[in-house]
Protein backbone atom coordinates (compact mmCIF):
# COMPACT_ATOMS: atom_id res chain seq x y z
CA MET A 1 291.69 267.17 210.38
CA TYR A 2 288.50 265.81 208.80
CA GLY A 3 286.08 265.49 211.73
CA TRP A 4 282.68 266.11 210.66
CA GLN A 5 283.32 267.27 207.15
CA PHE A 6 282.06 265.20 204.17
CA GLN A 7 284.51 264.24 201.56
CA ASP A 8 283.49 267.18 199.31
CA GLY A 9 284.19 269.66 201.98
CA GLY A 10 280.69 270.64 202.71
CA GLY A 11 281.34 271.08 206.34
CA TRP A 12 278.95 270.26 209.27
CA PHE A 13 275.99 272.16 208.01
CA PRO A 14 274.69 269.46 205.69
CA MET A 15 275.00 266.86 208.51
CA VAL A 16 272.93 269.03 210.81
CA ILE A 17 270.27 269.39 208.28
CA PHE A 18 270.18 265.59 207.71
CA MET A 19 269.92 264.91 211.48
CA ILE A 20 267.11 267.46 211.92
CA VAL A 21 265.17 265.87 209.06
CA PHE A 22 266.01 262.24 210.10
CA TRP A 23 264.84 262.66 213.66
CA ALA A 24 261.84 264.64 212.66
CA LEU A 25 260.69 261.93 210.32
CA LEU A 26 261.49 259.29 212.97
CA ILE A 27 259.66 261.01 215.78
CA GLY A 28 256.67 261.82 213.38
CA GLY A 29 256.44 258.29 212.26
CA LEU A 30 256.36 256.97 215.77
CA VAL A 31 253.55 259.46 216.69
CA VAL A 32 251.60 258.37 213.78
CA ALA A 33 252.03 254.86 214.58
CA ILE A 34 251.04 255.19 218.14
CA LYS A 35 247.99 257.17 217.24
CA TYR A 36 246.98 254.60 214.53
CA PHE A 37 247.74 251.34 216.49
CA GLY A 38 246.95 252.62 219.94
CA ARG A 39 243.39 253.72 219.42
CA PRO A 40 240.60 251.23 220.45
CA ARG A 41 238.65 249.49 217.68
CA ARG A 42 234.93 250.16 217.49
CA GLU A 43 232.90 247.30 216.21
CA GLU A 44 229.63 248.26 214.96
CA PRO A 45 226.50 246.35 216.25
CA SER A 46 225.01 244.20 213.62
CA VAL A 47 221.47 245.32 212.76
CA ALA A 48 218.93 242.58 212.40
CA GLY A 49 216.19 244.52 210.96
CA PRO A 50 213.87 247.66 211.02
CA LEU A 51 212.75 246.87 214.64
CA GLU A 52 216.39 246.72 215.72
CA ILE A 53 216.99 249.88 213.92
CA LEU A 54 213.99 251.63 215.55
CA ARG A 55 215.24 250.51 219.11
CA LEU A 56 218.64 251.80 218.38
CA ARG A 57 217.24 255.21 217.34
CA PHE A 58 215.12 255.42 220.38
CA ALA A 59 218.21 254.53 222.58
CA ARG A 60 220.20 257.28 221.07
CA GLY A 61 217.51 259.84 221.70
CA GLU A 62 216.64 260.58 218.02
CA ILE A 63 213.06 259.76 218.43
CA ASP A 64 210.92 260.07 221.54
CA GLU A 65 208.59 257.44 223.12
CA GLU A 66 205.42 258.53 221.22
CA GLU A 67 207.29 258.17 217.86
CA PHE A 68 208.80 254.99 218.84
CA LYS A 69 205.36 253.35 219.67
CA ARG A 70 203.80 254.94 216.55
CA ARG A 71 206.41 253.49 214.33
CA ARG A 72 206.55 250.09 216.22
CA ALA A 73 202.83 249.82 215.68
CA LEU A 74 203.32 250.46 212.00
CA LEU A 75 206.11 247.84 211.81
CA ASP A 76 203.69 245.26 213.56
CA GLU A 77 201.00 245.82 211.00
CA THR A 78 203.18 245.09 208.23
CA LYS A 79 204.19 241.65 209.53
């Protein structure tokens, strides 16, 4: 009876290894695809100029209010 044996008489062991590798690649590919296509896309805001950059830095807390006012005054002088 031939059953699960290959034609060269390798038995069931090569088939088990093949199935493990096949399912591991399939499941791994699905996980990668879900992680890649399932994540939300972040759109970076378009920056119009130095004043907008200054406002963004202030909003993120990178600079304090005094630094914001000082740099804004410098930008107003250069206009």
